[in-house]
Structures are given as C-alpha cells and as structure tokens.
Amino acid sequence: MTQSATDRKAVGTTCDVLNQYEAKFADSRALYERARAVIAGGVTHDKRHHRPFPVYAARATGCRKWDVQGRELIDYWTGHGSLLLGHSHPAIVEAVQKQVALGTHLGACHELEVEWAERVVRMVPSAERVRFTSSGTEATLLAIRLARAFSGKQVIVRFAGHFHGWHDHAIPGWRPPYGDSPGDGILSDVTENMRVCPPNDADAVDAALAKGDVAAVIIEPTGASFCAVPTGGGFLKELRQITQRHGVLLHFDEVITGFRVAPGGAQEYYGVTPDITTLAKILAGGLPGGAVTGRADVIDRLEFRGDATWDRYRKVPHPGTFNANPLSAAAGITCLDIVADGKPCDEANAMGRLARDGMSQVVARHGIDWQVGGDFSGVKITIGKNAGSAGDVTPVELLQSAMLLNGVDLMCDQMFMSCMHREDDIRQTVEAFDRSIAMMKNSGLV
C-alpha cells in the first residue's frame, strides 16, 4: 500500500512533490484504484508501475498527449520507443483505417506481409529472410531457438544488464545482482544455459566461447537499455571477429535500435553485420509486431521441406495467430517508407543531442551528482546517490512525478525522441527539468 497524503505530511516537507501530484492527478488515482481490483499489479506493463499511482492518458498526437483530465504533456515514452514518427501520424492513421475496412485478420497469407518483408530485406543489412512475430519478446525467443537448432549447441552468451524481453531465456543476467537467481518461475536448466559476460569485455566473451558449447551471442548493439551503458562500434567489430573465429552466431537485438539509430539500424550505422537480427517497435509503426531476420541458412530452419523427419524434428515450429497481422503490416509498410530516407532518424537524433546538452547544463547549475547521458535519440538520467526517497517512493518516481507536474512525461528515467519533437519542445522540457530539480531540492530530496 502507498502512504496517504495525510501520512506523508506527518513526515514534513519531503513529500510536497507527491502531495501536489496526488491533488493534480486525482482522476488518474481513481482509475488506478479501479485497475487494482481487476488487473494484476494494477498495470499492464511493469515499466508503467509508478507510485503513488500512474497518470492515465486519453489521447495523443505528434509529441504530445493528454491525460484523462485534459492536461497536455510533452511525451517522451513515444510508445516505449516505437513511435519514431510520433503519435497518430496521418499517413499511418490513413493506412490502418483503409485496412480495417478490408479486414483486421484475414486468416490467410496476404500481399501486405510480402511487401513488409521486402522492405525489411531492402533496409536491414543482415536481412536475407524474415519471419514476423507479434512482439519483440517473441522475436528474441524465436531467434534463440533458431540459433540452438542451427548450431546444435545449447548455451547463449549475453551481456549483463541488456534487455531482450521477458521470456525465460532473457531474464538471467538482466537485473542486478547479475550472478544471482533470476527469480521465481525460471527453470534452473534455462539459467545454466545462459552465460553472462560483463558489458564491453572482449576477453570475457572470448573465454566464454572457448568452451565450444555456445550457439550464439546476443547483444543490444548500442548498449544496455538503449545506450544507458553504451557499447561502441569498436567493441561490436571486435565481437564480430571473436564470434566468427569461434564459429558462433552473432545476434543483434535491434528491437529498439532498428530503424531508429539509422534506417538500417545500428548494424548499418556501425558497419557490423550480424547473423541474426530481431526487430519490433518501429518495425510495425507503433502497432504490435516483431520479426526475426538474418542469414537465410539460419532463418530457413523455419521452412517446411516435405521430408517427414525434417518437418517433425529439425524444422523449428512457429505458429502465431497475429503474426504479420494486416493492420500491423499496413502501419509497418507506411512507417518504413517514411523512415527509409533517414530524415526522421536524423531529426530525432538531433533533438536527443539538444536535450542531453540542455539537461546536463541544468544538472551542472544545480551542483548535484546526477548525470544525463545516452546517444542518438535517447536520453538517460542517472540520479545521484544522495537523492532522497519518500517512504516507498523512489527518487526516480519522485522526479517523474515532478516532471509530470511541470508538463513533461518521462519514461521513468529515460526519454525517447520522435521526429515530431522540435527545439521549442526541448526548451520547455529543459525548463521543466530545472523546475523539477528545484522542487526536489526545496523538499529536501536532493
């Protein structure tokens, strides 16, 4: 249970931010109480968990969204990074509306899935074959299975802190302490077949692969959580050399970076081609959808060959009711066509640089031990160790609440830019960040 406003007032001014937050967003609190009665945990995505309660949105367009009370917010969730073109892009809205009238699920192969795959192959350097899924988590799960089937080996090497979805094989090594149990519900056999290396440590990878039992190495190519712990092109090139020397597949998880860092993703930007790539988010233009792509000989483990033994034992099975759903395909085709010239990526990246520079200057002026980092179109705020909490409410939640009071919606301690953000939006955001830190300082939280 969260503290009530009355209880927090009893501990002094350190909870002024939350008192204002509860008063301003009262309608969201009412919705959250309804949600807690019927939705496990009260939210439908762990990242949306926020104390004392999350803000509920009603509509969005461009880089703005409005809460259920009609308050306008500059949005930096951008659909958890999926909306490079911003909310409700007119061309995507038109494409989806057209397809809704033709059918939301045809229960058959359709031309749009072919056109969608053709664009992926044209844009992504590693792409020779494509298989669509419904999400990024499904994509990495399928890719790991393909790597094991293709190689005949069981172990997957991953990097501490990198996120690859919520399935069993993605959890070990994701959260600190990285060598500890991944938590309840994960089979010990799964954990034993996931080998965790420190980020950016080529020697550790070389040693992990020397045992000869590794099917693939999986990595977020820009680093954990989109540059929160950056990985540079030099390490990626070294990783490509190491995996090739050991005959191990290299898997770029480009669920976030695909079509965002550059039209062809981080692999295009850094000039490093993996064997397997997983995609989602921008791939489907903000609708549900993911994909596994890469070398034909690896991805073709999904094909039927008319041989009873192959089709039963060696082919990797992959059904999925909403794979290449026509609505997602229509949105994805439209989005990729717009992204293909690179302009949306460049615009979002420019706004990312502007935000990082401005917010870093704010931190310096306040003389606090925070850092504002990231790269490309992402911003990562690292709150210093001296920041205070209010009961069970963390410093990150306090900052997010303060920013919401000042008209900006952060994705916890991260920001994703869209090509719809403009310099004036960034200026307002930097000013809101300044005011939010001042509010926390005045409350004794910084």
Protein backbone atom coordinates (compact mmCIF):
# COMPACT_ATOMS: atom_id res chain seq x y z
CA MET A 1 0.00 0.00 0.00
CA THR A 2 1.19 3.55 -0.67
CA GLN A 3 1.23 6.21 2.02
CA SER A 4 -1.72 8.55 2.13
CA ALA A 5 -1.21 12.28 1.72
CA THR A 6 -2.01 12.73 5.43
CA ASP A 7 0.67 10.22 6.46
CA ARG A 8 3.26 11.88 4.22
CA LYS A 9 2.53 15.34 5.62
CA ALA A 10 3.39 13.98 9.05
CA VAL A 11 7.00 13.37 7.96
CA GLY A 12 7.48 17.00 6.85
CA THR A 13 8.09 18.80 3.59
CA THR A 14 9.93 15.93 1.87
CA CYS A 15 6.65 14.81 0.31
CA ASP A 16 5.42 18.11 -1.10
CA VAL A 17 6.02 16.82 -4.63
CA LEU A 18 3.76 13.84 -4.04
CA ASN A 19 1.11 15.90 -2.27
CA GLN A 20 0.89 18.16 -5.32
CA TYR A 21 0.93 15.17 -7.65
CA GLU A 22 -1.97 13.47 -5.86
CA ALA A 23 -4.02 16.63 -5.88
CA LYS A 24 -3.39 17.43 -9.54
CA PHE A 25 -3.96 13.95 -10.97
CA ALA A 26 -6.88 12.82 -8.81
CA ASP A 27 -8.82 11.29 -11.72
CA SER A 28 -5.86 9.05 -12.55
CA ARG A 29 -5.76 7.85 -8.97
CA ALA A 30 -9.44 6.87 -9.21
CA LEU A 31 -8.74 4.87 -12.37
CA TYR A 32 -5.75 3.19 -10.74
CA GLU A 33 -7.91 2.06 -7.81
CA ARG A 34 -10.35 0.52 -10.30
CA ALA A 35 -7.45 -1.15 -12.13
CA ARG A 36 -6.00 -2.69 -8.98
CA ALA A 37 -9.24 -4.58 -8.47
CA VAL A 38 -9.10 -6.33 -11.85
CA ILE A 39 -5.59 -6.04 -13.36
CA ALA A 40 -2.69 -7.92 -11.79
CA GLY A 41 -0.42 -5.33 -10.23
CA GLY A 42 -2.74 -2.58 -11.43
CA VAL A 43 -0.77 -2.04 -14.67
CA THR A 44 -0.29 -3.87 -17.96
CA HIS A 45 3.46 -3.26 -18.32
CA ASP A 46 5.99 -3.29 -15.47
CA LYS A 47 7.53 -0.04 -16.71
CA ARG A 48 4.19 1.73 -16.14
CA HIS A 49 4.23 0.88 -12.45
CA HIS A 50 4.53 4.23 -10.67
CA ARG A 51 3.98 5.22 -7.05
CA PRO A 52 1.73 6.60 -5.75
CA PHE A 53 -0.16 5.88 -8.99
CA PRO A 54 0.41 6.27 -12.76
CA VAL A 55 -1.09 9.00 -14.91
CA TYR A 56 -3.76 7.73 -17.32
CA ALA A 57 -3.70 9.12 -20.87
CA ALA A 58 -6.74 9.69 -23.07
CA ARG A 59 -5.33 10.73 -26.44
CA ALA A 60 -2.11 11.70 -28.21
CA THR A 61 -0.85 13.35 -31.37
CA GLY A 62 2.62 14.32 -32.55
CA CYS A 63 4.87 14.59 -29.49
CA ARG A 64 2.04 15.49 -27.10
CA LYS A 65 -0.51 13.54 -25.13
CA TRP A 66 -3.38 14.47 -22.83
CA ASP A 67 -4.31 12.82 -19.55
CA VAL A 68 -7.87 11.88 -18.61
CA GLN A 69 -8.36 15.34 -17.10
CA GLY A 70 -7.32 17.01 -20.37
CA ARG A 71 -3.87 18.17 -19.25
CA GLU A 72 -1.36 18.46 -22.08
CA LEU A 73 2.02 16.74 -21.64
CA ILE A 74 5.17 16.61 -23.77
CA ASP A 75 5.60 12.88 -24.25
CA TYR A 76 8.92 11.03 -24.10
CA TRP A 77 7.59 7.50 -23.85
CA THR A 78 6.79 7.66 -27.58
CA GLY A 79 5.07 4.29 -27.37
CA HIS A 80 8.01 2.77 -25.42
CA GLY A 81 10.24 3.88 -28.28
CA SER A 82 8.05 2.57 -31.09
CA LEU A 83 6.77 5.94 -32.36
CA LEU A 84 9.70 7.48 -34.19
CA LEU A 85 7.12 9.34 -36.30
CA GLY A 86 5.18 10.50 -33.25
CA HIS A 87 1.62 9.75 -32.21
CA SER A 88 -1.14 9.38 -34.80
CA HIS A 89 0.98 10.13 -37.85
CA PRO A 90 -1.56 10.98 -40.60
CA ALA A 91 -0.12 8.52 -43.15
CA ILE A 92 -0.18 5.65 -40.67
CA VAL A 93 -3.69 6.52 -39.49
CA GLU A 94 -4.86 6.51 -43.11
CA ALA A 95 -3.17 3.17 -43.88
CA VAL A 96 -4.67 1.47 -40.82
CA GLN A 97 -8.14 2.91 -41.41
CA LYS A 98 -8.05 1.65 -45.00
CA GLN A 99 -7.05 -1.83 -43.88
CA VAL A 100 -9.63 -2.00 -41.07
CA ALA A 101 -12.34 -1.74 -43.71
CA LEU A 102 -10.75 -4.60 -45.68
CA GLY A 103 -10.25 -6.91 -42.70
CA THR A 104 -8.40 -6.97 -39.38
CA HIS A 105 -7.44 -10.65 -39.60
CA LEU A 106 -7.71 -12.47 -42.88
CA GLY A 107 -6.70 -15.91 -41.60
CA ALA A 108 -4.62 -16.27 -44.75
CA CYS A 109 -1.41 -15.15 -46.39
CA HIS A 110 -1.74 -11.64 -47.80
CA GLU A 111 0.20 -9.28 -50.06
CA LEU A 112 0.99 -6.80 -47.29
CA GLU A 113 3.15 -9.32 -45.42
CA VAL A 114 5.24 -9.81 -48.56
CA GLU A 115 5.63 -6.07 -49.10
CA TRP A 116 6.55 -5.61 -45.42
CA ALA A 117 9.23 -8.31 -45.58
CA GLU A 118 10.62 -6.88 -48.82
CA ARG A 119 11.19 -3.55 -47.10
CA VAL A 120 12.98 -5.19 -44.19
CA VAL A 121 15.29 -7.07 -46.57
CA ARG A 122 15.95 -3.87 -48.52
CA MET A 123 16.73 -1.75 -45.45
CA VAL A 124 18.46 -4.03 -42.92
CA PRO A 125 21.99 -5.15 -43.96
CA SER A 126 21.79 -8.64 -42.38
CA ALA A 127 18.30 -9.42 -43.68
CA GLU A 128 18.05 -12.27 -46.21
CA ARG A 129 14.90 -13.90 -44.84
CA VAL A 130 12.21 -12.57 -42.49
CA ARG A 131 9.72 -14.17 -40.13
CA PHE A 132 7.20 -11.96 -38.36
CA THR A 133 6.10 -12.26 -34.74
CA SER A 134 3.71 -10.28 -32.56
CA SER A 135 6.30 -8.66 -30.26
CA GLY A 136 9.98 -8.14 -29.55
CA THR A 137 9.91 -10.74 -26.78
CA GLU A 138 8.55 -13.33 -29.21
CA ALA A 139 11.22 -12.34 -31.73
CA THR A 140 14.16 -12.91 -29.36
CA LEU A 141 12.64 -16.16 -28.10
CA LEU A 142 12.33 -17.46 -31.66
CA ALA A 143 15.83 -16.24 -32.56
CA ILE A 144 17.38 -18.06 -29.60
CA ARG A 145 15.59 -21.26 -30.57
CA LEU A 146 16.75 -20.88 -34.17
CA ALA A 147 20.36 -20.38 -33.06
CA ARG A 148 20.27 -23.52 -30.96
CA ALA A 149 18.62 -25.56 -33.71
CA PHE A 150 21.05 -24.33 -36.35
CA SER A 151 24.20 -24.83 -34.27
CA GLY A 152 23.22 -27.93 -32.32
CA LYS A 153 24.52 -26.17 -29.18
CA GLN A 154 22.65 -25.00 -26.11
CA VAL A 155 24.45 -22.07 -24.48
CA ILE A 156 23.62 -18.44 -25.26
CA VAL A 157 26.09 -15.74 -24.22
CA ARG A 158 24.58 -12.44 -23.18
CA PHE A 159 25.73 -9.22 -21.52
CA ALA A 160 24.81 -8.12 -18.01
CA GLY A 161 22.01 -5.58 -17.97
CA HIS A 162 20.99 -5.92 -21.62
CA PHE A 163 17.26 -6.38 -22.10
CA HIS A 164 15.90 -8.98 -24.52
CA GLY A 165 12.28 -9.39 -23.43
CA TRP A 166 10.56 -11.18 -20.58
CA HIS A 167 10.70 -14.85 -21.66
CA ASP A 168 12.68 -17.39 -19.60
CA HIS A 169 15.85 -17.22 -21.69
CA ALA A 170 16.02 -13.41 -21.49
CA ILE A 171 15.74 -12.96 -17.72
CA PRO A 172 19.01 -14.49 -16.37
CA GLY A 173 21.62 -11.72 -16.34
CA TRP A 174 19.20 -8.86 -16.96
CA ARG A 175 18.82 -7.42 -13.44
CA PRO A 176 21.48 -6.99 -10.74
CA PRO A 177 22.93 -8.83 -8.97
CA TYR A 178 23.64 -10.47 -12.33
CA GLY A 179 25.09 -13.71 -11.00
CA ASP A 180 22.20 -14.28 -8.61
CA SER A 181 19.00 -16.25 -9.18
CA PRO A 182 16.86 -14.76 -11.94
CA GLY A 183 13.81 -15.16 -9.70
CA ASP A 184 10.84 -17.45 -9.29
CA GLY A 185 9.45 -19.34 -12.27
CA ILE A 186 12.70 -19.67 -14.25
CA LEU A 187 13.93 -23.25 -14.65
CA SER A 188 17.46 -23.94 -13.42
CA ASP A 189 18.25 -25.63 -16.75
CA VAL A 190 17.47 -22.37 -18.53
CA THR A 191 19.74 -20.38 -16.24
CA GLU A 192 22.58 -22.84 -16.69
CA ASN A 193 22.44 -22.41 -20.45
CA MET A 194 22.65 -18.60 -20.33
CA ARG A 195 26.24 -17.38 -19.84
CA VAL A 196 26.58 -13.75 -18.70
CA CYS A 197 29.54 -11.54 -19.64
CA PRO A 198 30.34 -8.02 -18.43
CA PRO A 199 29.48 -5.32 -20.99
CA ASN A 200 32.22 -4.37 -23.45
CA ASP A 201 34.61 -7.09 -22.21
CA ALA A 202 36.03 -8.82 -25.29
CA ASP A 203 38.33 -11.09 -23.26
CA ALA A 204 35.38 -12.38 -21.24
CA VAL A 205 33.49 -13.18 -24.44
CA ASP A 206 36.50 -14.95 -25.91
CA ALA A 207 36.79 -17.08 -22.77
CA ALA A 208 33.05 -17.82 -22.73
CA LEU A 209 33.17 -19.04 -26.34
CA ALA A 210 36.34 -21.08 -25.89
CA LYS A 211 34.35 -23.88 -24.23
CA GLY A 212 32.85 -24.76 -27.61
CA ASP A 213 29.25 -25.07 -26.40
CA VAL A 214 27.88 -21.66 -27.42
CA ALA A 215 25.15 -21.31 -30.04
CA ALA A 216 25.03 -17.50 -30.22
CA VAL A 217 25.98 -14.23 -28.59
CA ILE A 218 23.10 -11.78 -28.16
CA ILE A 219 23.60 -8.06 -27.62
CA GLU A 220 21.81 -4.73 -27.69
CA PRO A 221 24.22 -3.13 -30.17
CA THR A 222 24.11 0.36 -28.65
CA GLY A 223 24.40 -0.97 -25.09
CA ALA A 224 22.05 -1.84 -22.26
CA SER A 225 18.65 -0.13 -22.40
CA PHE A 226 19.48 1.95 -25.47
CA CYS A 227 22.85 3.45 -24.53
CA ALA A 228 22.34 3.51 -20.74
CA VAL A 229 25.64 1.56 -20.62
CA PRO A 230 27.00 2.44 -24.08
CA THR A 231 28.58 -0.05 -26.48
CA GLY A 232 30.64 1.46 -29.27
CA GLY A 233 31.34 0.37 -32.79
CA GLY A 234 34.85 -0.72 -31.89
CA PHE A 235 33.58 -3.36 -29.49
CA LEU A 236 30.97 -4.55 -31.99
CA LYS A 237 33.66 -5.05 -34.63
CA GLU A 238 35.77 -6.97 -32.12
CA LEU A 239 32.75 -9.06 -31.14
CA ARG A 240 32.10 -9.88 -34.80
CA GLN A 241 35.70 -11.09 -35.18
CA ILE A 242 35.55 -13.19 -32.00
CA THR A 243 32.27 -14.90 -32.93
CA GLN A 244 33.49 -15.65 -36.44
CA ARG A 245 36.73 -17.10 -35.10
CA HIS A 246 34.79 -19.45 -32.83
CA GLY A 247 32.10 -20.26 -35.40
CA VAL A 248 29.37 -18.76 -33.20
CA LEU A 249 26.32 -16.83 -34.42
CA LEU A 250 26.12 -13.13 -33.60
CA HIS A 251 22.64 -11.86 -32.74
CA PHE A 252 21.86 -8.12 -32.70
CA ASP A 253 18.73 -7.37 -30.71
CA GLU A 254 17.59 -4.28 -32.60
CA VAL A 255 14.08 -4.15 -31.15
CA ILE A 256 14.82 -0.58 -30.01
CA THR A 257 17.61 0.46 -32.39
CA GLY A 258 16.15 -0.92 -35.60
CA PHE A 259 15.09 1.97 -37.89
CA ARG A 260 15.85 4.43 -35.04
CA VAL A 261 19.65 4.77 -34.97
CA ALA A 262 19.60 4.75 -38.78
CA PRO A 263 17.19 3.35 -41.40
CA GLY A 264 19.09 0.05 -41.32
CA GLY A 265 19.57 0.13 -37.57
CA ALA A 266 22.76 0.06 -35.51
CA GLN A 267 24.29 -2.51 -37.87
CA GLU A 268 24.11 -0.01 -40.70
CA TYR A 269 25.42 2.83 -38.55
CA TYR A 270 28.40 0.86 -37.19
CA GLY A 271 29.05 -1.19 -40.31
CA VAL A 272 28.87 -4.52 -38.47
CA THR A 273 26.62 -7.24 -39.90
CA PRO A 274 25.30 -9.89 -37.51
CA ASP A 275 23.98 -13.34 -38.41
CA ILE A 276 20.60 -12.82 -36.74
CA THR A 277 18.64 -9.63 -36.09
CA THR A 278 15.50 -9.18 -34.04
CA LEU A 279 13.16 -6.24 -34.65
CA ALA A 280 9.95 -4.75 -33.25
CA LYS A 281 8.65 -1.32 -32.17
CA ILE A 282 9.25 0.99 -35.19
CA LEU A 283 9.03 -2.06 -37.48
CA ALA A 284 5.24 -2.04 -37.08
CA GLY A 285 4.75 1.72 -36.99
CA GLY A 286 3.60 1.69 -33.37
CA LEU A 287 1.28 -1.31 -33.69
CA PRO A 288 2.07 -4.78 -32.29
CA GLY A 289 4.65 -6.61 -34.35
CA GLY A 290 8.16 -8.04 -34.37
CA ALA A 291 10.43 -10.03 -36.63
CA VAL A 292 13.43 -12.32 -36.81
CA THR A 293 15.68 -11.80 -39.79
CA GLY A 294 19.23 -12.57 -40.86
CA ARG A 295 21.15 -15.21 -42.77
CA ALA A 296 18.97 -17.36 -44.99
CA ASP A 297 20.55 -20.63 -43.84
CA VAL A 298 19.69 -19.80 -40.22
CA ILE A 299 16.19 -18.40 -40.72
CA ASP A 300 15.32 -21.18 -43.17
CA ARG A 301 15.24 -23.61 -40.26
CA LEU A 302 11.61 -22.46 -40.16
CA GLU A 303 10.73 -23.81 -43.61
CA PHE A 304 8.81 -26.96 -44.48
CA ARG A 305 10.77 -29.29 -46.79
CA GLY A 306 8.30 -32.09 -47.38
CA ASP A 307 10.58 -34.53 -45.57
CA ALA A 308 8.82 -36.22 -42.66
CA THR A 309 11.90 -36.36 -40.46
CA TRP A 310 12.91 -32.75 -41.15
CA ASP A 311 9.41 -31.34 -40.76
CA ARG A 312 8.82 -33.16 -37.47
CA TYR A 313 12.19 -32.97 -35.72
CA ARG A 314 14.52 -30.45 -37.34
CA LYS A 315 12.23 -27.67 -38.50
CA VAL A 316 11.67 -25.03 -35.83
CA PRO A 317 7.89 -24.73 -35.33
CA HIS A 318 6.42 -21.24 -35.39
CA PRO A 319 2.66 -20.67 -35.41
CA GLY A 320 1.18 -17.42 -34.08
CA THR A 321 -2.33 -16.09 -34.56
CA PHE A 322 -1.29 -12.48 -35.07
CA ASN A 323 1.98 -12.95 -36.97
CA ALA A 324 2.07 -10.31 -39.75
CA ASN A 325 -1.39 -9.10 -38.85
CA PRO A 326 -2.60 -6.97 -41.78
CA LEU A 327 -3.13 -3.89 -39.60
CA SER A 328 0.44 -4.07 -38.31
CA ALA A 329 1.71 -4.77 -41.82
CA ALA A 330 -0.11 -1.73 -43.22
CA ALA A 331 1.29 0.50 -40.49
CA GLY A 332 4.76 -1.03 -40.80
CA ILE A 333 4.97 -0.59 -44.57
CA THR A 334 3.92 3.04 -44.28
CA CYS A 335 6.34 3.74 -41.44
CA LEU A 336 9.33 2.11 -43.14
CA ASP A 337 8.65 4.01 -46.36
CA ILE A 338 8.82 7.29 -44.43
CA VAL A 339 11.91 6.27 -42.44
CA ALA A 340 13.83 4.94 -45.45
CA ASP A 341 15.47 8.26 -46.40
CA GLY A 342 16.92 8.65 -42.90
CA LYS A 343 15.42 12.08 -42.24
CA PRO A 344 13.23 11.03 -39.26
CA CYS A 345 16.25 9.34 -37.64
CA ASP A 346 18.41 12.43 -38.13
CA GLU A 347 15.72 14.73 -36.74
CA ALA A 348 15.14 12.60 -33.64
CA ASN A 349 18.87 12.18 -33.07
CA ALA A 350 19.36 15.96 -33.25
CA MET A 351 16.68 16.50 -30.61
CA GLY A 352 18.34 13.88 -28.43
CA ARG A 353 21.63 15.78 -28.54
CA LEU A 354 19.86 19.06 -27.78
CA ALA A 355 18.04 17.58 -24.77
CA ARG A 356 21.16 15.93 -23.36
CA ASP A 357 23.15 19.14 -23.66
CA GLY A 358 20.46 21.32 -22.09
CA MET A 359 19.67 18.94 -19.24
CA SER A 360 23.36 18.41 -18.48
CA GLN A 361 23.73 22.17 -18.11
CA VAL A 362 20.82 22.19 -15.65
CA VAL A 363 22.49 19.47 -13.56
CA ALA A 364 25.74 21.45 -13.52
CA ARG A 365 23.98 24.67 -12.45
CA HIS A 366 22.30 22.87 -9.56
CA GLY A 367 25.61 21.33 -8.48
CA ILE A 368 24.13 17.86 -7.93
CA ASP A 369 25.70 14.45 -8.53
CA TRP A 370 23.36 13.47 -11.38
CA GLN A 371 24.31 12.61 -14.93
CA VAL A 372 22.45 12.98 -18.20
CA GLY A 373 23.70 10.56 -20.84
CA GLY A 374 22.58 8.47 -23.77
CA ASP A 375 23.14 8.70 -27.50
CA PHE A 376 21.25 9.03 -30.77
CA SER A 377 17.58 9.81 -29.98
CA GLY A 378 17.73 8.59 -26.37
CA VAL A 379 18.31 10.34 -23.04
CA LYS A 380 19.19 8.54 -19.82
CA ILE A 381 19.03 10.35 -16.46
CA THR A 382 21.16 8.84 -13.69
CA ILE A 383 20.13 10.19 -10.29
CA GLY A 384 22.94 10.55 -7.76
CA LYS A 385 23.29 8.54 -4.59
CA ASN A 386 22.39 11.49 -2.37
CA ALA A 387 18.83 11.77 -3.68
CA GLY A 388 16.17 11.06 -1.08
CA SER A 389 13.03 8.94 -1.20
CA ALA A 390 9.60 9.42 0.34
CA GLY A 391 8.51 6.25 2.08
CA ASP A 392 8.40 3.56 -0.59
CA VAL A 393 8.53 6.10 -3.44
CA THR A 394 11.94 6.10 -5.15
CA PRO A 395 13.93 9.14 -6.33
CA VAL A 396 13.19 8.16 -9.95
CA GLU A 397 9.46 8.13 -9.24
CA LEU A 398 9.74 11.49 -7.46
CA LEU A 399 11.49 13.02 -10.46
CA GLN A 400 8.91 11.55 -12.82
CA SER A 401 6.10 12.96 -10.67
CA ALA A 402 7.75 16.38 -10.54
CA MET A 403 8.21 16.40 -14.32
CA LEU A 404 4.54 15.49 -14.81
CA LEU A 405 3.60 18.41 -12.56
CA ASN A 406 5.69 20.55 -14.92
CA GLY A 407 4.05 19.20 -18.09
CA VAL A 408 6.52 16.51 -19.21
CA ASP A 409 6.06 12.73 -19.20
CA LEU A 410 9.34 10.83 -18.83
CA MET A 411 9.58 7.06 -19.29
CA CYS A 412 10.83 6.73 -15.70
CA ASP A 413 14.46 7.92 -16.08
CA GLN A 414 14.59 7.71 -19.89
CA MET A 415 13.40 9.73 -22.86
CA PHE A 416 12.78 8.63 -26.46
CA MET A 417 12.68 11.35 -29.09
CA SER A 418 10.44 11.29 -32.12
CA CYS A 419 10.92 13.27 -35.30
CA MET A 420 7.93 15.35 -34.18
CA HIS A 421 9.81 16.88 -31.24
CA ARG A 422 11.01 20.38 -32.03
CA GLU A 423 13.51 22.77 -30.44
CA ASP A 424 10.73 24.55 -28.55
CA ASP A 425 9.60 21.24 -27.04
CA ILE A 426 13.15 20.58 -25.89
CA ARG A 427 13.42 24.10 -24.44
CA GLN A 428 10.22 23.56 -22.46
CA THR A 429 11.49 20.17 -21.31
CA VAL A 430 14.81 21.57 -20.09
CA GLU A 431 12.94 24.30 -18.19
CA ALA A 432 10.65 21.67 -16.66
CA PHE A 433 13.70 19.63 -15.63
CA ASP A 434 15.16 22.73 -13.97
CA ARG A 435 11.92 23.41 -12.07
CA SER A 436 11.56 19.75 -11.09
CA ILE A 437 15.03 19.60 -9.57
CA ALA A 438 14.31 22.84 -7.72
CA MET A 439 11.11 21.32 -6.33
CA MET A 440 13.01 18.25 -5.13
CA LYS A 441 15.75 20.42 -3.60
CA ASN A 442 13.20 22.60 -1.81
CA SER A 443 11.64 19.46 -0.40
CA GLY A 444 14.99 18.16 0.83
CA LEU A 445 15.03 15.31 -1.69
CA VAL A 446 18.27 16.31 -3.45
